[in-house]
Every structure is written in C-alpha cells, then in structure tokens.
C-alpha cells in the first residue's frame, strides 16, 4: 500500500496509509502514513469498538492536510484493555488443554495439534452461532485440513502439493493457512464467558497451546529456508515480535 501511495500521488491524488510495521514504512517512505502500535491484522485496533476505530481513522485522515510529504506520524493510543464482564468472571481458556510437549518431534506435535483442534471445535461452533459469521476460511480448507497442510509443510517444505491454489506460491498458501488457524483459535477462545484482553489471548495462544508450538517449529524451519519468500515469512511473519522471546 505504501508503494501504491506513490503511484496515486503521481496521478494527482492525495493519499494516506495506516502502518502496522514502522520499519517497512520508513524504508518505502510513503507520502503520508500513520503508524499504529496494534497487532497484525488489526489496523484499527479493537474489534467492535467503533469509537476507538473512528479516532484512528480521523488521525489518519488528518494527515491529508499536509500538502507534501513524506509524513510518518505515530498514533498516540494503545488498544484499551476490555472492561470487566460484569458477572465477576474472568476469562479462562475454554478447555483444559494439555501443555505442549517440550521436546516433541514434529509428528507427535502435529498429532497433539489435531487433538487440540477437536477439543476447541465445540467452542468455535458456539461462537459462530452467537455471531452468525466468522473470519475463518480464507484458505478454502476446513480446520483439520489447515492442520494437515501445516503437518505436510513441516515434513517436507520443499515438496508440498499446492494444486488447489495454482496461482499462489507455497509460502503464500502457508501464510493464509496460518492466519486461518489463529482465527479459529481466537474465535473459539472468545466464545468462553468472560472478556479477555489481547494480551491474555496472545499469551494463551503462544504459551499454552500446541498450535503455538507448531508455529514456533514452522518459524525455525522457514527462517532457514533457501526460498527468500519463505525465509522472510519465518523471520518476520509467523511469530510476532512480542513473542520473539519464545524462539529457541
């Protein structure tokens, strides 16, 4: 989007973008950008909080008053912690997950991952029924299919079938599948009574689930890949910077 901003500005259109990765924006130098300190996938901050999202949009649009750039502004607010649910009940994981095996091989880890998905599925279904919609499904696979794709990638990253997606690189497919998996986990977790902060959900996903352990195994594999795109995926996308301390 930052590169597209230059093209549109050259055509006479004023542009502004919202940046989640400040380092990338500094390198590309778009005409106007607002950096926000939010997690990937949430450029407006808090889902369902229209007032907060409006403040972010207004801050971005206010940059249009500058006649020339480059301008890179920092958004001053972090996402607010959720208010108490009002019933005196704090958030906990929806099921009692077995802790990840510390030294599990990839096969054992993927098996535990699939079992974990089966335990979370009823909560995901409850959340889907309540909301009437889901953001899961971009890959076109069901959730066990996503897990099996990841297992195949761990087994042989260089020779994994992607016939289902003829126009995508294997790294592109992996990125979409990983987004789907995390969406499934978070939507299942949010179906539990009580309200969780983003920090609680992230700590749960990365510290208490086999899915988090699978992502860490993928990070190590991808970061060492000879494929430049997959290597970049491993270094910059799979594990967020706030969880980088878990990489061994």
C-alpha atoms as a PDB file:
ATOM      1  CA  UNK A   1       0.000   0.000   0.000  1.00  0.00           C
ATOM      2  CA  UNK A   2       2.875   2.376   0.677  1.00  0.00           C
ATOM      3  CA  UNK A   3       4.201   1.821  -2.858  1.00  0.00           C
ATOM      4  CA  UNK A   4       0.721   2.333  -4.307  1.00  0.00           C
ATOM      5  CA  UNK A   5       0.582   5.669  -2.494  1.00  0.00           C
ATOM      6  CA  UNK A   6       3.464   6.967  -4.602  1.00  0.00           C
ATOM      7  CA  UNK A   7       1.693   5.911  -7.814  1.00  0.00           C
ATOM      8  CA  UNK A   8      -1.578   7.595  -6.821  1.00  0.00           C
ATOM      9  CA  UNK A   9       0.189  10.772  -5.703  1.00  0.00           C
ATOM     10  CA  UNK A  10       1.946  10.984  -9.075  1.00  0.00           C
ATOM     11  CA  UNK A  11      -1.509  10.799 -10.657  1.00  0.00           C
ATOM     12  CA  UNK A  12      -2.640  13.785  -8.594  1.00  0.00           C
ATOM     13  CA  UNK A  13      -4.466  12.000  -5.756  1.00  0.00           C
ATOM     14  CA  UNK A  14      -3.633  12.677  -2.121  1.00  0.00           C
ATOM     15  CA  UNK A  15      -3.106   9.500  -0.100  1.00  0.00           C
ATOM     16  CA  UNK A  16      -2.649   8.336   3.469  1.00  0.00           C
ATOM     17  CA  UNK A  17      -1.970   4.833   4.770  1.00  0.00           C
ATOM     18  CA  UNK A  18      -2.027   3.065   8.116  1.00  0.00           C
ATOM     19  CA  UNK A  19       1.163   1.201   9.005  1.00  0.00           C
ATOM     20  CA  UNK A  20       1.494  -1.789  11.329  1.00  0.00           C
ATOM     21  CA  UNK A  21       5.236  -2.239  10.689  1.00  0.00           C
ATOM     22  CA  UNK A  22       7.096   1.027  11.161  1.00  0.00           C
ATOM     23  CA  UNK A  23      10.399  -0.305   9.780  1.00  0.00           C
ATOM     24  CA  UNK A  24       8.792  -1.171   6.425  1.00  0.00           C
ATOM     25  CA  UNK A  25       7.113   2.209   6.169  1.00  0.00           C
ATOM     26  CA  UNK A  26      10.373   4.012   6.959  1.00  0.00           C
ATOM     27  CA  UNK A  27      12.047   2.087   4.150  1.00  0.00           C
ATOM     28  CA  UNK A  28       9.357   2.676   1.499  1.00  0.00           C
ATOM     29  CA  UNK A  29       8.686   6.296   2.579  1.00  0.00           C
ATOM     30  CA  UNK A  30       5.041   6.740   1.508  1.00  0.00           C
ATOM     31  CA  UNK A  31       3.684  10.287   1.128  1.00  0.00           C
ATOM     32  CA  UNK A  32       1.662  10.150   4.367  1.00  0.00           C
ATOM     33  CA  UNK A  33       1.355   7.317   6.879  1.00  0.00           C
ATOM     34  CA  UNK A  34       0.068   6.787  10.397  1.00  0.00           C
ATOM     35  CA  UNK A  35       1.906   4.114  12.379  1.00  0.00           C
ATOM     36  CA  UNK A  36      -0.298   2.293  14.884  1.00  0.00           C
ATOM     37  CA  UNK A  37       1.055   0.094  17.728  1.00  0.00           C
ATOM     38  CA  UNK A  38      -1.514  -2.656  17.206  1.00  0.00           C
ATOM     39  CA  UNK A  39      -1.161  -6.363  16.465  1.00  0.00           C
ATOM     40  CA  UNK A  40      -1.054  -7.640  12.874  1.00  0.00           C
ATOM     41  CA  UNK A  41      -4.428  -7.828  11.206  1.00  0.00           C
ATOM     42  CA  UNK A  42      -5.970  -5.078  13.355  1.00  0.00           C
ATOM     43  CA  UNK A  43      -5.026  -1.727  11.810  1.00  0.00           C
ATOM     44  CA  UNK A  44      -7.960  -0.023  13.552  1.00  0.00           C
ATOM     45  CA  UNK A  45      -7.247  -1.553  16.956  1.00  0.00           C
ATOM     46  CA  UNK A  46     -10.157  -3.041  18.839  1.00  0.00           C
ATOM     47  CA  UNK A  47     -12.789  -5.178  17.076  1.00  0.00           C
ATOM     48  CA  UNK A  48     -16.279  -3.886  17.772  1.00  0.00           C
ATOM     49  CA  UNK A  49     -15.108  -0.611  19.348  1.00  0.00           C
ATOM     50  CA  UNK A  50     -16.467   1.953  16.884  1.00  0.00           C
ATOM     51  CA  UNK A  51     -15.328   4.981  18.925  1.00  0.00           C
ATOM     52  CA  UNK A  52     -11.725   3.790  19.081  1.00  0.00           C
ATOM     53  CA  UNK A  53     -11.713   2.866  15.384  1.00  0.00           C
ATOM     54  CA  UNK A  54     -13.129   6.280  14.483  1.00  0.00           C
ATOM     55  CA  UNK A  55     -10.305   8.006  16.393  1.00  0.00           C
ATOM     56  CA  UNK A  56      -7.726   6.029  14.424  1.00  0.00           C
ATOM     57  CA  UNK A  57      -9.373   6.889  11.102  1.00  0.00           C
ATOM     58  CA  UNK A  58      -9.658  10.580  12.000  1.00  0.00           C
ATOM     59  CA  UNK A  59      -5.977  10.671  12.990  1.00  0.00           C
ATOM     60  CA  UNK A  60      -5.056   9.140   9.642  1.00  0.00           C
ATOM     61  CA  UNK A  61      -7.301  11.431   7.602  1.00  0.00           C
ATOM     62  CA  UNK A  62      -5.948  14.485   9.438  1.00  0.00           C
ATOM     63  CA  UNK A  63      -2.611  13.829   7.747  1.00  0.00           C
ATOM     64  CA  UNK A  64      -4.206  14.818   4.442  1.00  0.00           C
ATOM     65  CA  UNK A  65      -3.980  18.494   5.463  1.00  0.00           C
ATOM     66  CA  UNK A  66      -0.229  18.277   4.826  1.00  0.00           C
ATOM     67  CA  UNK A  67       0.347  19.378   1.240  1.00  0.00           C
ATOM     68  CA  UNK A  68       3.556  17.445   0.770  1.00  0.00           C
ATOM     69  CA  UNK A  69       5.372  14.576   2.401  1.00  0.00           C
ATOM     70  CA  UNK A  70       6.776  12.291   3.384  1.00  0.00           C
ATOM     71  CA  UNK A  71       4.976  12.334   6.730  1.00  0.00           C
ATOM     72  CA  UNK A  72       5.104   9.443   9.206  1.00  0.00           C
ATOM     73  CA  UNK A  73       3.120  10.087  12.378  1.00  0.00           C
ATOM     74  CA  UNK A  74       2.761   7.857  15.437  1.00  0.00           C
ATOM     75  CA  UNK A  75      -0.704   7.118  16.780  1.00  0.00           C
ATOM     76  CA  UNK A  76      -0.592   8.055  20.494  1.00  0.00           C
ATOM     77  CA  UNK A  77      -3.027   5.484  21.925  1.00  0.00           C
ATOM     78  CA  UNK A  78      -2.589   1.778  22.584  1.00  0.00           C
ATOM     79  CA  UNK A  79      -5.582  -0.538  22.492  1.00  0.00           C
ATOM     80  CA  UNK A  80      -7.582  -0.327  25.735  1.00  0.00           C
ATOM     81  CA  UNK A  81      -7.974  -3.329  27.991  1.00  0.00           C
ATOM     82  CA  UNK A  82     -11.525  -4.675  27.967  1.00  0.00           C
ATOM     83  CA  UNK A  83     -13.887  -3.624  30.712  1.00  0.00           C
ATOM     84  CA  UNK A  84     -14.902  -6.270  33.240  1.00  0.00           C
ATOM     85  CA  UNK A  85     -17.702  -8.515  32.004  1.00  0.00           C
ATOM     86  CA  UNK A  86     -19.910  -7.503  34.910  1.00  0.00           C
ATOM     87  CA  UNK A  87     -20.556 -11.021  36.127  1.00  0.00           C
ATOM     88  CA  UNK A  88     -17.424 -11.299  38.247  1.00  0.00           C
ATOM     89  CA  UNK A  89     -15.993 -13.969  35.980  1.00  0.00           C
ATOM     90  CA  UNK A  90     -12.563 -13.528  34.476  1.00  0.00           C
ATOM     91  CA  UNK A  91     -11.534 -15.091  31.209  1.00  0.00           C
ATOM     92  CA  UNK A  92     -10.003 -18.560  31.162  1.00  0.00           C
ATOM     93  CA  UNK A  93      -9.194 -20.958  28.358  1.00  0.00           C
ATOM     94  CA  UNK A  94     -12.404 -22.610  27.114  1.00  0.00           C
ATOM     95  CA  UNK A  95     -10.999 -26.120  27.567  1.00  0.00           C
ATOM     96  CA  UNK A  96      -8.236 -27.620  29.690  1.00  0.00           C
ATOM     97  CA  UNK A  97      -5.596 -28.086  27.024  1.00  0.00           C
ATOM     98  CA  UNK A  98      -2.723 -30.455  27.530  1.00  0.00           C
ATOM     99  CA  UNK A  99       0.535 -28.483  27.750  1.00  0.00           C
ATOM    100  CA  UNK A 100       2.755 -28.712  24.687  1.00  0.00           C
ATOM    101  CA  UNK A 101       5.420 -31.393  24.852  1.00  0.00           C
ATOM    102  CA  UNK A 102       8.759 -29.706  25.386  1.00  0.00           C
ATOM    103  CA  UNK A 103      10.794 -31.946  23.072  1.00  0.00           C
ATOM    104  CA  UNK A 104       8.086 -33.478  20.909  1.00  0.00           C
ATOM    105  CA  UNK A 105       9.042 -34.400  17.379  1.00  0.00           C
ATOM    106  CA  UNK A 106       7.113 -32.860  14.514  1.00  0.00           C
ATOM    107  CA  UNK A 107       4.833 -35.903  14.048  1.00  0.00           C
ATOM    108  CA  UNK A 108       3.875 -36.016  17.731  1.00  0.00           C
ATOM    109  CA  UNK A 109       3.417 -32.259  17.805  1.00  0.00           C
ATOM    110  CA  UNK A 110       1.066 -32.278  14.800  1.00  0.00           C
ATOM    111  CA  UNK A 111      -0.941 -35.158  16.326  1.00  0.00           C
ATOM    112  CA  UNK A 112      -1.349 -33.168  19.549  1.00  0.00           C
ATOM    113  CA  UNK A 113      -2.273 -30.130  17.434  1.00  0.00           C
ATOM    114  CA  UNK A 114      -5.092 -32.038  15.687  1.00  0.00           C
ATOM    115  CA  UNK A 115      -6.404 -33.359  19.015  1.00  0.00           C
ATOM    116  CA  UNK A 116      -6.374 -29.827  20.412  1.00  0.00           C
ATOM    117  CA  UNK A 117      -8.395 -28.551  17.452  1.00  0.00           C
ATOM    118  CA  UNK A 118     -11.020 -31.234  18.086  1.00  0.00           C
ATOM    119  CA  UNK A 119     -11.311 -30.087  21.717  1.00  0.00           C
ATOM    120  CA  UNK A 120     -11.728 -26.445  20.692  1.00  0.00           C
ATOM    121  CA  UNK A 121     -14.206 -27.105  17.875  1.00  0.00           C
ATOM    122  CA  UNK A 122     -17.361 -27.046  20.087  1.00  0.00           C
ATOM    123  CA  UNK A 123     -16.385 -23.597  21.402  1.00  0.00           C
ATOM    124  CA  UNK A 124     -15.696 -22.317  17.905  1.00  0.00           C
ATOM    125  CA  UNK A 125     -19.147 -23.552  16.853  1.00  0.00           C
ATOM    126  CA  UNK A 126     -20.762 -21.806  19.841  1.00  0.00           C
ATOM    127  CA  UNK A 127     -19.043 -18.545  18.907  1.00  0.00           C
ATOM    128  CA  UNK A 128     -20.102 -18.933  15.270  1.00  0.00           C
ATOM    129  CA  UNK A 129     -23.718 -19.470  16.295  1.00  0.00           C
ATOM    130  CA  UNK A 130     -23.674 -16.380  18.521  1.00  0.00           C
ATOM    131  CA  UNK A 131     -22.034 -14.077  15.982  1.00  0.00           C
ATOM    132  CA  UNK A 132     -23.605 -15.516  12.851  1.00  0.00           C
ATOM    133  CA  UNK A 133     -20.320 -15.020  10.980  1.00  0.00           C
ATOM    134  CA  UNK A 134     -16.639 -15.918  11.016  1.00  0.00           C
ATOM    135  CA  UNK A 135     -13.433 -14.594   9.504  1.00  0.00           C
ATOM    136  CA  UNK A 136     -12.093 -18.159   9.208  1.00  0.00           C
ATOM    137  CA  UNK A 137     -11.941 -19.731   5.759  1.00  0.00           C
ATOM    138  CA  UNK A 138      -9.651 -17.623   3.557  1.00  0.00           C
ATOM    139  CA  UNK A 139      -7.612 -20.715   2.635  1.00  0.00           C
ATOM    140  CA  UNK A 140     -10.646 -22.705   1.487  1.00  0.00           C
ATOM    141  CA  UNK A 141      -9.692 -25.547   3.843  1.00  0.00           C
ATOM    142  CA  UNK A 142     -11.531 -26.719   6.941  1.00  0.00           C
ATOM    143  CA  UNK A 143      -9.612 -26.501  10.192  1.00  0.00           C
ATOM    144  CA  UNK A 144      -8.335 -30.138  10.171  1.00  0.00           C
ATOM    145  CA  UNK A 145      -7.233 -29.532   6.572  1.00  0.00           C
ATOM    146  CA  UNK A 146      -5.290 -26.469   7.710  1.00  0.00           C
ATOM    147  CA  UNK A 147      -3.566 -28.524  10.395  1.00  0.00           C
ATOM    148  CA  UNK A 148      -2.706 -31.293   7.925  1.00  0.00           C
ATOM    149  CA  UNK A 149      -1.288 -28.735   5.473  1.00  0.00           C
ATOM    150  CA  UNK A 150       0.988 -27.445   8.216  1.00  0.00           C
ATOM    151  CA  UNK A 151       1.991 -31.003   9.096  1.00  0.00           C
ATOM    152  CA  UNK A 152       2.880 -31.692   5.464  1.00  0.00           C
ATOM    153  CA  UNK A 153       4.894 -28.480   5.333  1.00  0.00           C
ATOM    154  CA  UNK A 154       6.852 -29.467   8.426  1.00  0.00           C
ATOM    155  CA  UNK A 155       7.527 -32.881   6.897  1.00  0.00           C
ATOM    156  CA  UNK A 156       8.701 -31.556   3.532  1.00  0.00           C
ATOM    157  CA  UNK A 157       8.538 -27.824   2.979  1.00  0.00           C
ATOM    158  CA  UNK A 158      10.159 -28.073  -0.438  1.00  0.00           C
ATOM    159  CA  UNK A 159       7.728 -30.548  -1.996  1.00  0.00           C
ATOM    160  CA  UNK A 160       4.205 -29.840  -0.758  1.00  0.00           C
ATOM    161  CA  UNK A 161       1.252 -30.021  -3.110  1.00  0.00           C
ATOM    162  CA  UNK A 162      -0.438 -26.685  -3.843  1.00  0.00           C
ATOM    163  CA  UNK A 163      -2.512 -27.752  -6.859  1.00  0.00           C
ATOM    164  CA  UNK A 164      -5.584 -26.359  -5.126  1.00  0.00           C
ATOM    165  CA  UNK A 165      -4.047 -22.859  -5.385  1.00  0.00           C
ATOM    166  CA  UNK A 166      -2.430 -22.775  -8.878  1.00  0.00           C
ATOM    167  CA  UNK A 167      -1.701 -19.042  -8.761  1.00  0.00           C
ATOM    168  CA  UNK A 168      -0.064 -18.968  -5.329  1.00  0.00           C
ATOM    169  CA  UNK A 169       3.405 -19.847  -4.100  1.00  0.00           C
ATOM    170  CA  UNK A 170       3.656 -22.402  -1.324  1.00  0.00           C
ATOM    171  CA  UNK A 171       4.728 -19.618   1.031  1.00  0.00           C
ATOM    172  CA  UNK A 172       1.627 -17.600   0.183  1.00  0.00           C
ATOM    173  CA  UNK A 173      -0.589 -20.598   0.931  1.00  0.00           C
ATOM    174  CA  UNK A 174       1.197 -21.244   4.222  1.00  0.00           C
ATOM    175  CA  UNK A 175       0.669 -17.622   5.282  1.00  0.00           C
ATOM    176  CA  UNK A 176      -3.077 -17.809   4.574  1.00  0.00           C
ATOM    177  CA  UNK A 177      -3.410 -21.169   6.327  1.00  0.00           C
ATOM    178  CA  UNK A 178      -1.644 -19.844   9.431  1.00  0.00           C
ATOM    179  CA  UNK A 179      -3.976 -16.851   9.523  1.00  0.00           C
ATOM    180  CA  UNK A 180      -6.953 -19.204   9.329  1.00  0.00           C
ATOM    181  CA  UNK A 181      -5.654 -21.387  12.166  1.00  0.00           C
ATOM    182  CA  UNK A 182      -5.100 -18.469  14.504  1.00  0.00           C
ATOM    183  CA  UNK A 183      -8.523 -17.074  13.622  1.00  0.00           C
ATOM    184  CA  UNK A 184     -10.101 -20.413  14.575  1.00  0.00           C
ATOM    185  CA  UNK A 185      -8.273 -20.479  17.916  1.00  0.00           C
ATOM    186  CA  UNK A 186      -9.103 -16.909  18.862  1.00  0.00           C
ATOM    187  CA  UNK A 187     -12.754 -17.184  17.865  1.00  0.00           C
ATOM    188  CA  UNK A 188     -13.037 -20.388  19.905  1.00  0.00           C
ATOM    189  CA  UNK A 189     -11.367 -18.719  22.891  1.00  0.00           C
ATOM    190  CA  UNK A 190     -13.610 -15.675  22.709  1.00  0.00           C
ATOM    191  CA  UNK A 191     -16.723 -17.869  22.908  1.00  0.00           C
ATOM    192  CA  UNK A 192     -15.882 -18.546  26.547  1.00  0.00           C
ATOM    193  CA  UNK A 193     -17.811 -16.380  29.072  1.00  0.00           C
ATOM    194  CA  UNK A 194     -15.727 -13.512  30.403  1.00  0.00           C
ATOM    195  CA  UNK A 195     -13.703 -10.992  28.446  1.00  0.00           C
ATOM    196  CA  UNK A 196     -10.056 -11.394  27.563  1.00  0.00           C
ATOM    197  CA  UNK A 197      -7.570  -8.682  26.676  1.00  0.00           C
ATOM    198  CA  UNK A 198      -5.497  -9.044  23.525  1.00  0.00           C
ATOM    199  CA  UNK A 199      -2.501  -9.702  25.740  1.00  0.00           C
ATOM    200  CA  UNK A 200      -4.237 -12.566  27.540  1.00  0.00           C
ATOM    201  CA  UNK A 201      -5.249 -14.167  24.248  1.00  0.00           C
ATOM    202  CA  UNK A 202      -1.757 -13.851  22.800  1.00  0.00           C
ATOM    203  CA  UNK A 203      -0.115 -15.302  25.911  1.00  0.00           C
ATOM    204  CA  UNK A 204      -2.609 -18.172  25.868  1.00  0.00           C
ATOM    205  CA  UNK A 205      -2.054 -18.948  22.190  1.00  0.00           C
ATOM    206  CA  UNK A 206       1.725 -18.779  22.289  1.00  0.00           C
ATOM    207  CA  UNK A 207       2.340 -20.149  25.765  1.00  0.00           C
ATOM    208  CA  UNK A 208      -0.364 -22.743  26.364  1.00  0.00           C
ATOM    209  CA  UNK A 209      -1.360 -24.336  23.069  1.00  0.00           C
ATOM    210  CA  UNK A 210       0.159 -26.934  20.794  1.00  0.00           C
ATOM    211  CA  UNK A 211      -0.714 -24.587  17.937  1.00  0.00           C
ATOM    212  CA  UNK A 212       1.748 -22.059  19.335  1.00  0.00           C
ATOM    213  CA  UNK A 213       4.421 -24.757  19.480  1.00  0.00           C
ATOM    214  CA  UNK A 214       3.673 -25.707  15.864  1.00  0.00           C
ATOM    215  CA  UNK A 215       4.098 -22.072  14.800  1.00  0.00           C
ATOM    216  CA  UNK A 216       7.455 -21.918  16.572  1.00  0.00           C
ATOM    217  CA  UNK A 217       8.589 -25.099  14.787  1.00  0.00           C
ATOM    218  CA  UNK A 218       7.491 -23.579  11.479  1.00  0.00           C
ATOM    219  CA  UNK A 219       9.347 -20.371  12.264  1.00  0.00           C
ATOM    220  CA  UNK A 220      12.617 -22.250  12.709  1.00  0.00           C
ATOM    221  CA  UNK A 221      12.088 -24.243   9.517  1.00  0.00           C
ATOM    222  CA  UNK A 222      11.088 -21.272   7.388  1.00  0.00           C
ATOM    223  CA  UNK A 223      13.799 -18.927   8.666  1.00  0.00           C
ATOM    224  CA  UNK A 224      16.417 -21.444   7.452  1.00  0.00           C
ATOM    225  CA  UNK A 225      14.794 -21.888   4.015  1.00  0.00           C
ATOM    226  CA  UNK A 226      16.657 -21.260   0.769  1.00  0.00           C
ATOM    227  CA  UNK A 227      13.464 -19.736  -0.636  1.00  0.00           C
ATOM    228  CA  UNK A 228      13.735 -15.954   0.025  1.00  0.00           C
ATOM    229  CA  UNK A 229       9.982 -15.507   0.473  1.00  0.00           C
ATOM    230  CA  UNK A 230       9.637 -18.419   2.906  1.00  0.00           C
ATOM    231  CA  UNK A 231      12.713 -17.238   4.812  1.00  0.00           C
ATOM    232  CA  UNK A 232      11.196 -13.755   5.145  1.00  0.00           C
ATOM    233  CA  UNK A 233       7.953 -15.373   6.284  1.00  0.00           C
ATOM    234  CA  UNK A 234       9.859 -17.151   9.034  1.00  0.00           C
ATOM    235  CA  UNK A 235      11.790 -14.127  10.173  1.00  0.00           C
ATOM    236  CA  UNK A 236       9.009 -11.525  10.088  1.00  0.00           C
ATOM    237  CA  UNK A 237       5.522 -13.009   9.984  1.00  0.00           C
ATOM    238  CA  UNK A 238       4.996 -16.331  11.757  1.00  0.00           C
ATOM    239  CA  UNK A 239       5.986 -15.222  15.262  1.00  0.00           C
ATOM    240  CA  UNK A 240       5.146 -11.620  16.280  1.00  0.00           C
ATOM    241  CA  UNK A 241       7.877  -9.517  17.802  1.00  0.00           C
ATOM    242  CA  UNK A 242       6.137  -9.526  21.178  1.00  0.00           C
ATOM    243  CA  UNK A 243       6.569 -13.310  21.280  1.00  0.00           C
ATOM    244  CA  UNK A 244      10.097 -13.466  19.840  1.00  0.00           C
ATOM    245  CA  UNK A 245      11.494 -14.465  23.245  1.00  0.00           C
ATOM    246  CA  UNK A 246       9.927 -17.906  22.710  1.00  0.00           C
ATOM    247  CA  UNK A 247      12.135 -18.623  19.672  1.00  0.00           C
ATOM    248  CA  UNK A 248      14.927 -21.024  20.536  1.00  0.00           C
END
